[in-house]
């Protein structure tokens, strides 16, 4: 039996709840996982070229976003 045949045989016995993990692994192995959008690609290129911001602490990140420790993530979406 080939590895592919064995894999198909095993897929038949995996329950739907665990199938999500199998699909994730297969997507990563085949390159069919989530494809970053243009904004994400631009951000990754910016980081590769030395751009972007780095923070030593979470407090520094919150401060850069003008949040306090008592703020909530919903503060990010206020207009």
PDB file of N, CA and C in Angstrom:
ATOM      1  N   UNK A   1       0.853  -1.176   0.000  1.00  0.00           N
ATOM      2  CA  UNK A   1       0.000   0.000   0.000  1.00  0.00           C
ATOM      3  C   UNK A   1       0.900   1.241   0.000  1.00  0.00           C
ATOM      4  N   UNK A   2       0.574   2.198  -0.862  1.00  0.00           N
ATOM      5  CA  UNK A   2       1.361   3.431  -0.930  1.00  0.00           C
ATOM      6  C   UNK A   2       1.024   4.339   0.255  1.00  0.00           C
ATOM      7  N   UNK A   3       1.881   5.315   0.493  1.00  0.00           N
ATOM      8  CA  UNK A   3       1.612   6.283   1.559  1.00  0.00           C
ATOM      9  C   UNK A   3       0.323   7.049   1.294  1.00  0.00           C
ATOM     10  N   UNK A   4       0.074   7.378   0.034  1.00  0.00           N
ATOM     11  CA  UNK A   4      -1.149   8.107  -0.309  1.00  0.00           C
ATOM     12  C   UNK A   4      -2.381   7.250  -0.015  1.00  0.00           C
ATOM     13  N   UNK A   5      -2.324   5.986  -0.385  1.00  0.00           N
ATOM     14  CA  UNK A   5      -3.445   5.085  -0.106  1.00  0.00           C
ATOM     15  C   UNK A   5      -3.668   4.942   1.400  1.00  0.00           C
ATOM     16  N   UNK A   6      -2.578   4.841   2.153  1.00  0.00           N
ATOM     17  CA  UNK A   6      -2.685   4.730   3.615  1.00  0.00           C
ATOM     18  C   UNK A   6      -3.283   6.004   4.213  1.00  0.00           C
ATOM     19  N   UNK A   7      -2.864   7.162   3.695  1.00  0.00           N
ATOM     20  CA  UNK A   7      -3.400   8.436   4.183  1.00  0.00           C
ATOM     21  C   UNK A   7      -4.901   8.515   3.935  1.00  0.00           C
ATOM     22  N   UNK A   8      -5.331   8.117   2.758  1.00  0.00           N
ATOM     23  CA  UNK A   8      -6.765   8.134   2.432  1.00  0.00           C
ATOM     24  C   UNK A   8      -7.525   7.182   3.348  1.00  0.00           C
ATOM     25  N   UNK A   9      -6.949   6.028   3.615  1.00  0.00           N
ATOM     26  CA  UNK A   9      -7.568   5.058   4.513  1.00  0.00           C
ATOM     27  C   UNK A   9      -7.726   5.656   5.915  1.00  0.00           C
ATOM     28  N   UNK A  10      -6.707   6.344   6.383  1.00  0.00           N
ATOM     29  CA  UNK A  10      -6.766   6.960   7.708  1.00  0.00           C
ATOM     30  C   UNK A  10      -7.770   8.108   7.754  1.00  0.00           C
ATOM     31  N   UNK A  11      -7.881   8.863   6.664  1.00  0.00           N
ATOM     32  CA  UNK A  11      -8.845   9.963   6.617  1.00  0.00           C
ATOM     33  C   UNK A  11     -10.269   9.469   6.820  1.00  0.00           C
ATOM     34  N   UNK A  12     -10.541   8.285   6.332  1.00  0.00           N
ATOM     35  CA  UNK A  12     -11.890   7.728   6.449  1.00  0.00           C
ATOM     36  C   UNK A  12     -12.304   7.449   7.891  1.00  0.00           C
ATOM     37  N   UNK A  13     -11.347   7.332   8.806  1.00  0.00           N
ATOM     38  CA  UNK A  13     -11.704   7.011  10.187  1.00  0.00           C
ATOM     39  C   UNK A  13     -11.574   8.206  11.138  1.00  0.00           C
ATOM     40  N   UNK A  14     -11.126   9.343  10.628  1.00  0.00           N
ATOM     41  CA  UNK A  14     -10.993  10.533  11.477  1.00  0.00           C
ATOM     42  C   UNK A  14     -12.341  11.230  11.572  1.00  0.00           C
ATOM     43  N   UNK A  15     -12.751  11.539  12.812  1.00  0.00           N
ATOM     44  CA  UNK A  15     -14.035  12.213  12.992  1.00  0.00           C
ATOM     45  C   UNK A  15     -13.934  13.673  12.552  1.00  0.00           C
ATOM     46  N   UNK A  16     -15.083  14.269  12.280  1.00  0.00           N
ATOM     47  CA  UNK A  16     -15.148  15.632  11.742  1.00  0.00           C
ATOM     48  C   UNK A  16     -14.502  16.648  12.675  1.00  0.00           C
ATOM     49  N   UNK A  17     -14.620  16.431  13.969  1.00  0.00           N
ATOM     50  CA  UNK A  17     -14.045  17.366  14.943  1.00  0.00           C
ATOM     51  C   UNK A  17     -12.528  17.457  14.809  1.00  0.00           C
ATOM     52  N   UNK A  18     -11.883  16.349  14.539  1.00  0.00           N
ATOM     53  CA  UNK A  18     -10.422  16.332  14.402  1.00  0.00           C
ATOM     54  C   UNK A  18      -9.962  16.609  12.975  1.00  0.00           C
ATOM     55  N   UNK A  19     -10.879  16.532  12.034  1.00  0.00           N
ATOM     56  CA  UNK A  19     -10.515  16.738  10.635  1.00  0.00           C
ATOM     57  C   UNK A  19      -9.966  18.143  10.398  1.00  0.00           C
ATOM     58  N   UNK A  20     -10.392  19.114  11.197  1.00  0.00           N
ATOM     59  CA  UNK A  20      -9.901  20.483  11.043  1.00  0.00           C
ATOM     60  C   UNK A  20      -8.380  20.531  11.195  1.00  0.00           C
ATOM     61  N   UNK A  21      -7.828  19.710  12.075  1.00  0.00           N
ATOM     62  CA  UNK A  21      -6.374  19.673  12.258  1.00  0.00           C
ATOM     63  C   UNK A  21      -5.684  19.069  11.034  1.00  0.00           C
ATOM     64  N   UNK A  22      -6.289  18.031  10.500  1.00  0.00           N
ATOM     65  CA  UNK A  22      -5.726  17.378   9.314  1.00  0.00           C
ATOM     66  C   UNK A  22      -5.724  18.352   8.138  1.00  0.00           C
ATOM     67  N   UNK A  23      -6.831  19.058   7.965  1.00  0.00           N
ATOM     68  CA  UNK A  23      -6.930  20.026   6.870  1.00  0.00           C
ATOM     69  C   UNK A  23      -5.869  21.114   7.030  1.00  0.00           C
ATOM     70  N   UNK A  24      -5.684  21.598   8.253  1.00  0.00           N
ATOM     71  CA  UNK A  24      -4.663  22.615   8.501  1.00  0.00           C
ATOM     72  C   UNK A  24      -3.270  22.135   8.135  1.00  0.00           C
ATOM     73  N   UNK A  25      -2.955  20.916   8.518  1.00  0.00           N
ATOM     74  CA  UNK A  25      -1.643  20.346   8.197  1.00  0.00           C
ATOM     75  C   UNK A  25      -1.484  20.210   6.687  1.00  0.00           C
ATOM     76  N   UNK A  26      -2.510  19.691   6.030  1.00  0.00           N
ATOM     77  CA  UNK A  26      -2.432  19.506   4.579  1.00  0.00           C
ATOM     78  C   UNK A  26      -2.312  20.843   3.846  1.00  0.00           C
ATOM     79  N   UNK A  27      -3.033  21.854   4.315  1.00  0.00           N
ATOM     80  CA  UNK A  27      -2.930  23.175   3.688  1.00  0.00           C
ATOM     81  C   UNK A  27      -1.519  23.729   3.816  1.00  0.00           C
ATOM     82  N   UNK A  28      -0.916  23.556   4.984  1.00  0.00           N
ATOM     83  CA  UNK A  28       0.451  24.043   5.173  1.00  0.00           C
ATOM     84  C   UNK A  28       1.447  23.276   4.315  1.00  0.00           C
ATOM     85  N   UNK A  29       1.283  21.976   4.225  1.00  0.00           N
ATOM     86  CA  UNK A  29       2.205  21.157   3.443  1.00  0.00           C
ATOM     87  C   UNK A  29       2.101  21.422   1.947  1.00  0.00           C
ATOM     88  N   UNK A  30       0.910  21.762   1.489  1.00  0.00           N
ATOM     89  CA  UNK A  30       0.696  21.943   0.054  1.00  0.00           C
ATOM     90  C   UNK A  30       0.783  23.395  -0.388  1.00  0.00           C
ATOM     91  N   UNK A  31       0.858  24.314   0.577  1.00  0.00           N
ATOM     92  CA  UNK A  31       0.906  25.725   0.214  1.00  0.00           C
ATOM     93  C   UNK A  31      -0.461  26.306  -0.082  1.00  0.00           C
ATOM     94  N   UNK A  32      -1.522  25.565   0.235  1.00  0.00           N
ATOM     95  CA  UNK A  32      -2.870  26.056  -0.020  1.00  0.00           C
ATOM     96  C   UNK A  32      -3.497  26.699   1.207  1.00  0.00           C
ATOM     97  N   UNK A  33      -2.677  27.068   2.178  1.00  0.00           N
ATOM     98  CA  UNK A  33      -3.187  27.739   3.368  1.00  0.00           C
ATOM     99  C   UNK A  33      -3.619  29.150   3.022  1.00  0.00           C
ATOM    100  N   UNK A  34      -3.884  29.929   4.035  1.00  0.00           N
ATOM    101  CA  UNK A  34      -4.309  31.303   3.809  1.00  0.00           C
ATOM    102  C   UNK A  34      -3.207  32.084   3.107  1.00  0.00           C
ATOM    103  N   UNK A  35      -3.600  32.837   2.118  1.00  0.00           N
ATOM    104  CA  UNK A  35      -2.665  33.659   1.369  1.00  0.00           C
ATOM    105  C   UNK A  35      -2.790  35.087   1.880  1.00  0.00           C
ATOM    106  N   UNK A  36      -1.670  35.702   2.282  1.00  0.00           N
ATOM    107  CA  UNK A  36      -1.756  37.057   2.818  1.00  0.00           C
ATOM    108  C   UNK A  36      -2.247  38.051   1.761  1.00  0.00           C
ATOM    109  N   UNK A  37      -3.030  39.037   2.220  1.00  0.00           N
ATOM    110  CA  UNK A  37      -3.509  40.064   1.297  1.00  0.00           C
ATOM    111  C   UNK A  37      -2.399  41.088   1.056  1.00  0.00           C
ATOM    112  N   UNK A  38      -2.652  42.042   0.177  1.00  0.00           N
ATOM    113  CA  UNK A  38      -1.627  43.024  -0.201  1.00  0.00           C
ATOM    114  C   UNK A  38      -1.139  43.849   0.979  1.00  0.00           C
ATOM    115  N   UNK A  39      -2.048  44.207   1.887  1.00  0.00           N
ATOM    116  CA  UNK A  39      -1.661  45.001   3.059  1.00  0.00           C
ATOM    117  C   UNK A  39      -0.702  44.212   3.951  1.00  0.00           C
ATOM    118  N   UNK A  40      -0.988  42.933   4.143  1.00  0.00           N
ATOM    119  CA  UNK A  40      -0.124  42.089   4.964  1.00  0.00           C
ATOM    120  C   UNK A  40       1.230  41.888   4.299  1.00  0.00           C
ATOM    121  N   UNK A  41       1.229  41.672   2.995  1.00  0.00           N
ATOM    122  CA  UNK A  41       2.488  41.505   2.259  1.00  0.00           C
ATOM    123  C   UNK A  41       3.342  42.764   2.375  1.00  0.00           C
ATOM    124  N   UNK A  42       2.715  43.929   2.242  1.00  0.00           N
ATOM    125  CA  UNK A  42       3.450  45.195   2.364  1.00  0.00           C
ATOM    126  C   UNK A  42       4.042  45.339   3.763  1.00  0.00           C
ATOM    127  N   UNK A  43       3.289  44.950   4.789  1.00  0.00           N
ATOM    128  CA  UNK A  43       3.782  45.036   6.168  1.00  0.00           C
ATOM    129  C   UNK A  43       4.959  44.087   6.380  1.00  0.00           C
ATOM    130  N   UNK A  44       4.889  42.890   5.813  1.00  0.00           N
ATOM    131  CA  UNK A  44       5.992  41.938   5.949  1.00  0.00           C
ATOM    132  C   UNK A  44       7.246  42.462   5.250  1.00  0.00           C
ATOM    133  N   UNK A  45       7.071  43.058   4.072  1.00  0.00           N
ATOM    134  CA  UNK A  45       8.216  43.629   3.351  1.00  0.00           C
ATOM    135  C   UNK A  45       8.823  44.786   4.131  1.00  0.00           C
ATOM    136  N   UNK A  46       7.961  45.600   4.746  1.00  0.00           N
ATOM    137  CA  UNK A  46       8.448  46.715   5.557  1.00  0.00           C
ATOM    138  C   UNK A  46       9.332  46.201   6.692  1.00  0.00           C
ATOM    139  N   UNK A  47       8.885  45.144   7.358  1.00  0.00           N
ATOM    140  CA  UNK A  47       9.674  44.565   8.449  1.00  0.00           C
ATOM    141  C   UNK A  47      10.984  43.971   7.939  1.00  0.00           C
ATOM    142  N   UNK A  48      10.931  43.296   6.799  1.00  0.00           N
ATOM    143  CA  UNK A  48      12.142  42.708   6.221  1.00  0.00           C
ATOM    144  C   UNK A  48      13.172  43.775   5.874  1.00  0.00           C
ATOM    145  N   UNK A  49      12.693  44.978   5.553  1.00  0.00           N
ATOM    146  CA  UNK A  49      13.584  46.079   5.174  1.00  0.00           C
ATOM    147  C   UNK A  49      13.945  46.975   6.354  1.00  0.00           C
ATOM    148  N   UNK A  50      13.697  46.501   7.570  1.00  0.00           N
ATOM    149  CA  UNK A  50      14.091  47.244   8.761  1.00  0.00           C
ATOM    150  C   UNK A  50      13.072  48.257   9.242  1.00  0.00           C
ATOM    151  N   UNK A  51      11.915  48.308   8.631  1.00  0.00           N
ATOM    152  CA  UNK A  51      10.876  49.243   9.058  1.00  0.00           C
ATOM    153  C   UNK A  51      10.036  48.663  10.175  1.00  0.00           C
ATOM    154  N   UNK A  52       8.959  49.343  10.465  1.00  0.00           N
ATOM    155  CA  UNK A  52       8.055  48.890  11.514  1.00  0.00           C
ATOM    156  C   UNK A  52       8.531  49.327  12.882  1.00  0.00           C
ATOM    157  N   UNK A  53       7.771  48.982  13.874  1.00  0.00           N
ATOM    158  CA  UNK A  53       8.105  49.343  15.247  1.00  0.00           C
ATOM    159  C   UNK A  53       8.287  48.090  16.082  1.00  0.00           C
ATOM    160  N   UNK A  54       9.238  48.157  17.002  1.00  0.00           N
ATOM    161  CA  UNK A  54       9.453  47.079  17.964  1.00  0.00           C
ATOM    162  C   UNK A  54       9.260  47.644  19.361  1.00  0.00           C
ATOM    163  N   UNK A  55       8.732  46.833  20.238  1.00  0.00           N
ATOM    164  CA  UNK A  55       8.472  47.261  21.602  1.00  0.00           C
ATOM    165  C   UNK A  55       9.102  46.272  22.563  1.00  0.00           C
ATOM    166  N   UNK A  56       9.704  46.810  23.617  1.00  0.00           N
ATOM    167  CA  UNK A  56      10.318  45.954  24.629  1.00  0.00           C
ATOM    168  C   UNK A  56       9.295  45.416  25.614  1.00  0.00           C
ATOM    169  N   UNK A  57       8.212  46.154  25.799  1.00  0.00           N
ATOM    170  CA  UNK A  57       7.189  45.722  26.749  1.00  0.00           C
ATOM    171  C   UNK A  57       5.807  45.924  26.138  1.00  0.00           C
ATOM    172  N   UNK A  58       4.855  45.231  26.693  1.00  0.00           N
ATOM    173  CA  UNK A  58       3.475  45.394  26.260  1.00  0.00           C
ATOM    174  C   UNK A  58       2.981  46.796  26.592  1.00  0.00           C
ATOM    175  N   UNK A  59       3.426  47.334  27.718  1.00  0.00           N
ATOM    176  CA  UNK A  59       3.034  48.700  28.081  1.00  0.00           C
ATOM    177  C   UNK A  59       3.462  49.708  27.019  1.00  0.00           C
ATOM    178  N   UNK A  60       4.654  49.513  26.444  1.00  0.00           N
ATOM    179  CA  UNK A  60       5.113  50.413  25.383  1.00  0.00           C
ATOM    180  C   UNK A  60       4.204  50.319  24.158  1.00  0.00           C
ATOM    181  N   UNK A  61       3.779  49.101  23.837  1.00  0.00           N
ATOM    182  CA  UNK A  61       2.856  48.929  22.716  1.00  0.00           C
ATOM    183  C   UNK A  61       1.553  49.657  22.993  1.00  0.00           C
ATOM    184  N   UNK A  62       0.986  49.437  24.191  1.00  0.00           N
ATOM    185  CA  UNK A  62      -0.280  50.104  24.537  1.00  0.00           C
ATOM    186  C   UNK A  62      -0.119  51.618  24.473  1.00  0.00           C
ATOM    187  N   UNK A  63       1.010  52.114  24.977  1.00  0.00           N
ATOM    188  CA  UNK A  63       1.237  53.555  24.967  1.00  0.00           C
ATOM    189  C   UNK A  63       1.276  54.078  23.531  1.00  0.00           C
ATOM    190  N   UNK A  64       1.901  53.324  22.638  1.00  0.00           N
ATOM    191  CA  UNK A  64       1.969  53.758  21.242  1.00  0.00           C
ATOM    192  C   UNK A  64       0.583  53.786  20.603  1.00  0.00           C
ATOM    193  N   UNK A  65      -0.312  52.977  21.129  1.00  0.00           N
ATOM    194  CA  UNK A  65      -1.691  52.946  20.629  1.00  0.00           C
ATOM    195  C   UNK A  65      -2.592  53.883  21.422  1.00  0.00           C
ATOM    196  N   UNK A  66      -1.970  54.646  22.327  1.00  0.00           N
ATOM    197  CA  UNK A  66      -2.669  55.594  23.188  1.00  0.00           C
ATOM    198  C   UNK A  66      -3.697  54.899  24.075  1.00  0.00           C
ATOM    199  N   UNK A  67      -3.321  53.734  24.582  1.00  0.00           N
ATOM    200  CA  UNK A  67      -4.166  53.000  25.518  1.00  0.00           C
ATOM    201  C   UNK A  67      -3.451  52.921  26.855  1.00  0.00           C
ATOM    202  N   UNK A  68      -4.194  52.810  27.894  1.00  0.00           N
ATOM    203  CA  UNK A  68      -3.609  52.570  29.201  1.00  0.00           C
ATOM    204  C   UNK A  68      -3.812  51.110  29.540  1.00  0.00           C
ATOM    205  N   UNK A  69      -3.178  50.663  30.584  1.00  0.00           N
ATOM    206  CA  UNK A  69      -3.348  49.268  30.998  1.00  0.00           C
ATOM    207  C   UNK A  69      -4.797  48.961  31.322  1.00  0.00           C
ATOM    208  N   UNK A  70      -5.552  49.963  31.726  1.00  0.00           N
ATOM    209  CA  UNK A  70      -6.949  49.726  32.075  1.00  0.00           C
ATOM    210  C   UNK A  70      -7.854  49.831  30.858  1.00  0.00           C
ATOM    211  N   UNK A  71      -7.293  50.248  29.721  1.00  0.00           N
ATOM    212  CA  UNK A  71      -8.081  50.314  28.495  1.00  0.00           C
ATOM    213  C   UNK A  71      -8.417  48.917  28.005  1.00  0.00           C
ATOM    214  N   UNK A  72      -9.308  48.852  27.060  1.00  0.00           N
ATOM    215  CA  UNK A  72      -9.686  47.560  26.496  1.00  0.00           C
ATOM    216  C   UNK A  72      -9.406  47.565  25.008  1.00  0.00           C
ATOM    217  N   UNK A  73      -9.415  46.385  24.428  1.00  0.00           N
ATOM    218  CA  UNK A  73      -9.174  46.311  22.991  1.00  0.00           C
ATOM    219  C   UNK A  73     -10.251  47.047  22.209  1.00  0.00           C
ATOM    220  N   UNK A  74     -11.433  47.214  22.779  1.00  0.00           N
ATOM    221  CA  UNK A  74     -12.486  47.942  22.071  1.00  0.00           C
ATOM    222  C   UNK A  74     -12.119  49.414  21.909  1.00  0.00           C
ATOM    223  N   UNK A  75     -11.184  49.910  22.758  1.00  0.00           N
ATOM    224  CA  UNK A  75     -10.720  51.289  22.608  1.00  0.00           C
ATOM    225  C   UNK A  75     -10.082  51.515  21.239  1.00  0.00           C
ATOM    226  N   UNK A  76      -9.549  50.466  20.659  1.00  0.00           N
ATOM    227  CA  UNK A  76      -8.908  50.588  19.354  1.00  0.00           C
ATOM    228  C   UNK A  76      -9.901  50.949  18.257  1.00  0.00           C
ATOM    229  N   UNK A  77     -11.166  50.623  18.474  1.00  0.00           N
ATOM    230  CA  UNK A  77     -12.160  50.780  17.423  1.00  0.00           C
ATOM    231  C   UNK A  77     -13.082  51.973  17.633  1.00  0.00           C
ATOM    232  N   UNK A  78     -12.800  52.772  18.634  1.00  0.00           N
ATOM    233  CA  UNK A  78     -13.623  53.967  18.858  1.00  0.00           C
ATOM    234  C   UNK A  78     -13.323  54.991  17.785  1.00  0.00           C
ATOM    235  N   UNK A  79     -14.353  55.703  17.382  1.00  0.00           N
ATOM    236  CA  UNK A  79     -14.165  56.731  16.350  1.00  0.00           C
ATOM    237  C   UNK A  79     -14.254  58.102  16.952  1.00  0.00           C
TER     238      UNK A  79
END
